[in-house]
Amino acid sequence: MKGKEDLLISNDEIVFANDSDAEEGRGTMVMMKWEDDVMRLSAMWVAYNQGDVLEFGFGMGLSAGHIQSFKPKSHTIIEIHPEIAKIAQEWAKDKPGVKIINADWWDI
């Protein structure tokens, strides 16, 4: 993802809107709701000690929500896509210690 792609965002998935490689007219999937269990288990692994967490990509916020359940000392999320970063910033408004950076992780 380069941060400029058109996305289709729903409660169940995020897909690239204009994708010539897509099957059957659907865009390539970026994230799907069914990944929630994987994100929960990953969050258990990375946030169990309530330390500082650096997360690359917000997506649907699945892992971010699970990470927050462990009350980390800090939680920084680097999100390249401006539309998703805006959603992440809204999500983070009432979460102390959460910082959203709209940039490419490579540049940070």
N, C-alpha and C. Protein backbone atom coordinates (compact mmCIF):
# COMPACT_ATOMS: atom_id res chain seq x y z
N MET A 1 0.85 -1.17 0.00
CA MET A 1 0.00 0.00 0.00
C MET A 1 0.89 1.23 0.00
N LYS A 2 0.54 2.18 -0.84
CA LYS A 2 1.31 3.41 -0.94
C LYS A 2 0.60 4.59 -0.28
N GLY A 3 -0.62 4.37 0.20
CA GLY A 3 -1.34 5.42 0.88
C GLY A 3 -2.21 6.29 -0.01
N LYS A 4 -2.25 5.97 -1.31
CA LYS A 4 -3.04 6.78 -2.23
C LYS A 4 -4.15 5.98 -2.90
N GLU A 5 -4.25 4.71 -2.59
CA GLU A 5 -5.23 3.85 -3.22
C GLU A 5 -6.64 4.19 -2.76
N ASP A 6 -7.61 4.00 -3.65
CA ASP A 6 -9.01 4.11 -3.27
C ASP A 6 -9.39 2.84 -2.54
N LEU A 7 -10.05 3.00 -1.41
CA LEU A 7 -10.44 1.86 -0.60
C LEU A 7 -11.96 1.77 -0.49
N LEU A 8 -12.46 0.56 -0.36
CA LEU A 8 -13.85 0.32 0.00
C LEU A 8 -13.81 -0.19 1.44
N ILE A 9 -14.43 0.55 2.33
CA ILE A 9 -14.37 0.22 3.75
C ILE A 9 -15.77 -0.11 4.24
N SER A 10 -15.90 -1.28 4.85
CA SER A 10 -17.18 -1.68 5.45
C SER A 10 -16.89 -2.23 6.85
N ASN A 11 -17.92 -2.65 7.53
CA ASN A 11 -17.73 -3.27 8.85
C ASN A 11 -17.09 -4.64 8.76
N ASP A 12 -17.12 -5.24 7.57
CA ASP A 12 -16.62 -6.60 7.41
C ASP A 12 -15.26 -6.70 6.72
N GLU A 13 -14.87 -5.64 5.98
CA GLU A 13 -13.62 -5.75 5.23
C GLU A 13 -13.16 -4.40 4.71
N ILE A 14 -11.89 -4.37 4.34
CA ILE A 14 -11.31 -3.25 3.61
C ILE A 14 -10.69 -3.85 2.35
N VAL A 15 -11.05 -3.30 1.20
CA VAL A 15 -10.52 -3.79 -0.07
C VAL A 15 -10.07 -2.61 -0.92
N PHE A 16 -9.09 -2.86 -1.79
CA PHE A 16 -8.72 -1.85 -2.78
C PHE A 16 -9.86 -1.73 -3.77
N ALA A 17 -10.31 -0.52 -4.04
CA ALA A 17 -11.47 -0.30 -4.90
C ALA A 17 -11.15 -0.55 -6.37
N ASN A 18 -10.02 -0.09 -6.83
CA ASN A 18 -9.66 -0.20 -8.25
C ASN A 18 -8.43 -1.08 -8.37
N ASP A 19 -8.66 -2.34 -8.59
CA ASP A 19 -7.56 -3.29 -8.60
C ASP A 19 -7.71 -4.23 -9.77
N SER A 20 -6.84 -4.11 -10.74
CA SER A 20 -6.94 -4.95 -11.94
C SER A 20 -6.60 -6.41 -11.66
N ASP A 21 -5.95 -6.70 -10.55
CA ASP A 21 -5.60 -8.07 -10.20
C ASP A 21 -6.70 -8.78 -9.43
N ALA A 22 -7.76 -8.08 -9.15
CA ALA A 22 -8.83 -8.64 -8.31
C ALA A 22 -9.59 -9.73 -9.05
N GLU A 23 -10.10 -10.66 -8.26
CA GLU A 23 -10.92 -11.74 -8.80
C GLU A 23 -12.38 -11.33 -8.83
N GLU A 24 -13.07 -11.68 -9.87
CA GLU A 24 -14.51 -11.50 -9.97
C GLU A 24 -14.97 -10.09 -9.65
N GLY A 25 -14.19 -9.09 -10.06
CA GLY A 25 -14.61 -7.71 -9.89
C GLY A 25 -14.44 -7.14 -8.49
N ARG A 26 -13.93 -7.93 -7.56
CA ARG A 26 -13.68 -7.43 -6.20
C ARG A 26 -12.25 -6.93 -6.12
N GLY A 27 -12.05 -5.91 -5.30
CA GLY A 27 -10.69 -5.44 -5.07
C GLY A 27 -9.92 -6.41 -4.20
N THR A 28 -8.62 -6.32 -4.24
CA THR A 28 -7.79 -7.14 -3.38
C THR A 28 -8.07 -6.80 -1.92
N MET A 29 -8.23 -7.81 -1.12
CA MET A 29 -8.56 -7.59 0.28
C MET A 29 -7.34 -7.08 1.05
N VAL A 30 -7.58 -6.10 1.91
CA VAL A 30 -6.56 -5.54 2.77
C VAL A 30 -6.70 -6.13 4.17
N MET A 31 -7.92 -6.15 4.68
CA MET A 31 -8.19 -6.72 6.00
C MET A 31 -9.64 -7.18 6.05
N MET A 32 -9.88 -8.25 6.79
CA MET A 32 -11.21 -8.82 6.91
C MET A 32 -11.57 -9.04 8.38
N LYS A 33 -12.83 -8.91 8.69
CA LYS A 33 -13.32 -9.06 10.07
C LYS A 33 -12.99 -10.44 10.64
N TRP A 34 -12.95 -11.48 9.78
CA TRP A 34 -12.69 -12.82 10.28
C TRP A 34 -11.28 -12.96 10.86
N GLU A 35 -10.41 -11.96 10.65
CA GLU A 35 -9.06 -12.00 11.19
C GLU A 35 -9.01 -11.63 12.68
N ASP A 36 -10.15 -11.30 13.25
CA ASP A 36 -10.20 -10.82 14.63
C ASP A 36 -9.53 -11.77 15.62
N ASP A 37 -9.76 -13.06 15.52
CA ASP A 37 -9.15 -14.01 16.46
C ASP A 37 -7.63 -13.99 16.37
N VAL A 38 -7.09 -13.89 15.16
CA VAL A 38 -5.64 -13.82 14.97
C VAL A 38 -5.10 -12.54 15.60
N MET A 39 -5.82 -11.45 15.40
CA MET A 39 -5.39 -10.17 15.97
C MET A 39 -5.44 -10.20 17.51
N ARG A 40 -6.44 -10.85 18.06
CA ARG A 40 -6.55 -10.97 19.52
C ARG A 40 -5.38 -11.76 20.08
N LEU A 41 -5.04 -12.86 19.45
CA LEU A 41 -3.91 -13.67 19.92
C LEU A 41 -2.60 -12.93 19.76
N SER A 42 -2.45 -12.20 18.67
CA SER A 42 -1.23 -11.40 18.47
C SER A 42 -1.11 -10.33 19.54
N ALA A 43 -2.22 -9.67 19.86
CA ALA A 43 -2.21 -8.63 20.88
C ALA A 43 -1.82 -9.20 22.24
N MET A 44 -2.27 -10.39 22.53
CA MET A 44 -1.90 -11.04 23.79
C MET A 44 -0.39 -11.20 23.87
N TRP A 45 0.22 -11.52 22.77
CA TRP A 45 1.65 -11.76 22.72
C TRP A 45 2.44 -10.45 22.87
N VAL A 46 2.02 -9.41 22.17
CA VAL A 46 2.83 -8.18 22.15
C VAL A 46 2.52 -7.22 23.30
N ALA A 47 1.37 -7.33 23.93
CA ALA A 47 0.98 -6.33 24.92
C ALA A 47 0.80 -6.87 26.34
N TYR A 48 1.12 -8.13 26.55
CA TYR A 48 0.85 -8.74 27.86
C TYR A 48 1.57 -8.03 29.01
N ASN A 49 2.75 -7.43 28.75
CA ASN A 49 3.52 -6.81 29.83
C ASN A 49 3.19 -5.33 30.04
N GLN A 50 2.21 -4.84 29.31
CA GLN A 50 1.71 -3.46 29.44
C GLN A 50 2.81 -2.42 29.19
N GLY A 51 3.71 -2.72 28.28
CA GLY A 51 4.79 -1.80 27.93
C GLY A 51 4.41 -0.88 26.78
N ASP A 52 5.40 -0.45 26.04
CA ASP A 52 5.20 0.40 24.87
C ASP A 52 5.00 -0.48 23.65
N VAL A 53 3.99 -0.15 22.84
CA VAL A 53 3.66 -0.95 21.66
C VAL A 53 3.75 -0.06 20.43
N LEU A 54 4.43 -0.55 19.41
CA LEU A 54 4.50 0.11 18.10
C LEU A 54 3.78 -0.79 17.12
N GLU A 55 2.75 -0.25 16.48
CA GLU A 55 1.93 -1.03 15.56
C GLU A 55 2.01 -0.41 14.17
N PHE A 56 2.22 -1.23 13.17
CA PHE A 56 2.29 -0.77 11.79
C PHE A 56 0.97 -1.08 11.10
N GLY A 57 0.19 -0.04 10.84
CA GLY A 57 -1.09 -0.19 10.17
C GLY A 57 -2.23 -0.34 11.15
N PHE A 58 -3.29 0.44 10.94
CA PHE A 58 -4.48 0.38 11.78
C PHE A 58 -5.52 -0.54 11.20
N GLY A 59 -5.66 -0.53 9.88
CA GLY A 59 -6.66 -1.38 9.22
C GLY A 59 -8.05 -1.12 9.76
N MET A 60 -8.68 -2.14 10.26
CA MET A 60 -10.02 -2.03 10.84
C MET A 60 -9.96 -1.78 12.34
N GLY A 61 -8.77 -1.67 12.88
CA GLY A 61 -8.61 -1.41 14.31
C GLY A 61 -8.77 -2.65 15.17
N LEU A 62 -8.75 -3.82 14.55
CA LEU A 62 -8.96 -5.05 15.32
C LEU A 62 -7.85 -5.27 16.34
N SER A 63 -6.61 -5.29 15.88
CA SER A 63 -5.51 -5.53 16.82
C SER A 63 -5.36 -4.35 17.78
N ALA A 64 -5.57 -3.14 17.29
CA ALA A 64 -5.45 -1.96 18.15
C ALA A 64 -6.41 -2.05 19.34
N GLY A 65 -7.63 -2.47 19.07
CA GLY A 65 -8.60 -2.63 20.15
C GLY A 65 -8.18 -3.68 21.15
N HIS A 66 -7.66 -4.79 20.67
CA HIS A 66 -7.21 -5.84 21.57
C HIS A 66 -5.98 -5.39 22.36
N ILE A 67 -5.07 -4.67 21.70
CA ILE A 67 -3.89 -4.16 22.40
C ILE A 67 -4.33 -3.23 23.53
N GLN A 68 -5.31 -2.39 23.27
CA GLN A 68 -5.79 -1.46 24.29
C GLN A 68 -6.38 -2.18 25.50
N SER A 69 -6.91 -3.36 25.29
CA SER A 69 -7.49 -4.10 26.42
C SER A 69 -6.43 -4.47 27.46
N PHE A 70 -5.15 -4.45 27.06
CA PHE A 70 -4.06 -4.74 27.99
C PHE A 70 -3.52 -3.48 28.66
N LYS A 71 -4.07 -2.33 28.32
CA LYS A 71 -3.69 -1.04 28.90
C LYS A 71 -2.18 -0.80 28.81
N PRO A 72 -1.66 -0.74 27.57
CA PRO A 72 -0.21 -0.53 27.43
C PRO A 72 0.22 0.85 27.91
N LYS A 73 1.49 0.97 28.26
CA LYS A 73 2.05 2.25 28.69
C LYS A 73 1.89 3.29 27.58
N SER A 74 2.20 2.90 26.37
CA SER A 74 1.97 3.74 25.19
C SER A 74 1.67 2.84 24.00
N HIS A 75 1.02 3.42 23.01
CA HIS A 75 0.62 2.65 21.82
C HIS A 75 0.71 3.60 20.63
N THR A 76 1.72 3.41 19.81
CA THR A 76 1.92 4.24 18.63
C THR A 76 1.55 3.42 17.40
N ILE A 77 0.72 4.00 16.55
CA ILE A 77 0.28 3.33 15.32
C ILE A 77 0.71 4.18 14.14
N ILE A 78 1.46 3.58 13.23
CA ILE A 78 1.86 4.25 12.00
C ILE A 78 0.95 3.72 10.89
N GLU A 79 0.18 4.62 10.29
CA GLU A 79 -0.79 4.24 9.25
C GLU A 79 -0.52 5.10 8.01
N ILE A 80 -0.26 4.43 6.89
CA ILE A 80 0.10 5.14 5.67
C ILE A 80 -1.09 5.76 4.94
N HIS A 81 -2.24 5.14 4.98
CA HIS A 81 -3.37 5.62 4.19
C HIS A 81 -4.10 6.74 4.93
N PRO A 82 -4.24 7.92 4.32
CA PRO A 82 -4.86 9.05 5.03
C PRO A 82 -6.30 8.81 5.46
N GLU A 83 -7.06 8.06 4.69
CA GLU A 83 -8.45 7.78 5.06
C GLU A 83 -8.51 6.89 6.31
N ILE A 84 -7.66 5.87 6.34
CA ILE A 84 -7.61 4.98 7.51
C ILE A 84 -7.01 5.72 8.70
N ALA A 85 -6.01 6.57 8.48
CA ALA A 85 -5.41 7.34 9.57
C ALA A 85 -6.45 8.25 10.22
N LYS A 86 -7.33 8.82 9.42
CA LYS A 86 -8.39 9.68 9.96
C LYS A 86 -9.33 8.87 10.87
N ILE A 87 -9.67 7.67 10.43
CA ILE A 87 -10.51 6.77 11.24
C ILE A 87 -9.78 6.42 12.53
N ALA A 88 -8.48 6.12 12.41
CA ALA A 88 -7.68 5.77 13.59
C ALA A 88 -7.60 6.94 14.58
N GLN A 89 -7.44 8.15 14.07
CA GLN A 89 -7.36 9.33 14.95
C GLN A 89 -8.68 9.53 15.70
N GLU A 90 -9.78 9.30 15.03
CA GLU A 90 -11.09 9.40 15.69
C GLU A 90 -11.20 8.32 16.77
N TRP A 91 -10.79 7.11 16.45
CA TRP A 91 -10.81 5.99 17.40
C TRP A 91 -9.96 6.30 18.63
N ALA A 92 -8.83 6.97 18.43
CA ALA A 92 -7.86 7.19 19.51
C ALA A 92 -8.20 8.37 20.42
N LYS A 93 -9.20 9.16 20.06
CA LYS A 93 -9.50 10.38 20.82
C LYS A 93 -9.66 10.17 22.32
N ASP A 94 -10.27 9.09 22.73
CA ASP A 94 -10.51 8.87 24.16
C ASP A 94 -9.57 7.82 24.76
N LYS A 95 -8.45 7.59 24.09
CA LYS A 95 -7.51 6.57 24.56
C LYS A 95 -6.17 7.23 24.90
N PRO A 96 -5.92 7.46 26.19
CA PRO A 96 -4.65 8.08 26.57
C PRO A 96 -3.47 7.20 26.19
N GLY A 97 -2.40 7.82 25.77
CA GLY A 97 -1.20 7.07 25.43
C GLY A 97 -1.17 6.56 24.01
N VAL A 98 -2.24 6.82 23.24
CA VAL A 98 -2.27 6.36 21.85
C VAL A 98 -1.88 7.52 20.94
N LYS A 99 -0.93 7.25 20.05
CA LYS A 99 -0.47 8.25 19.09
C LYS A 99 -0.62 7.66 17.69
N ILE A 100 -1.28 8.39 16.80
CA ILE A 100 -1.45 7.98 15.42
C ILE A 100 -0.53 8.83 14.56
N ILE A 101 0.27 8.18 13.74
CA ILE A 101 1.16 8.88 12.81
C ILE A 101 0.75 8.50 11.39
N ASN A 102 0.36 9.50 10.59
CA ASN A 102 -0.02 9.25 9.20
C ASN A 102 1.22 9.41 8.33
N ALA A 103 1.89 8.28 8.08
CA ALA A 103 3.12 8.27 7.29
C ALA A 103 3.44 6.84 6.90
N ASP A 104 4.43 6.70 6.05
CA ASP A 104 4.96 5.39 5.70
C ASP A 104 5.97 5.01 6.79
N TRP A 105 5.86 3.82 7.32
CA TRP A 105 6.77 3.39 8.40
C TRP A 105 8.22 3.55 7.98
N TRP A 106 8.49 3.37 6.72
CA TRP A 106 9.85 3.46 6.21
C TRP A 106 10.45 4.85 6.44
N ASP A 107 9.60 5.87 6.35
CA ASP A 107 10.06 7.25 6.53
C ASP A 107 10.20 7.63 8.00
N ILE A 108 9.58 6.88 8.87
CA ILE A 108 9.63 7.19 10.30
C ILE A 108 10.84 6.52 10.91
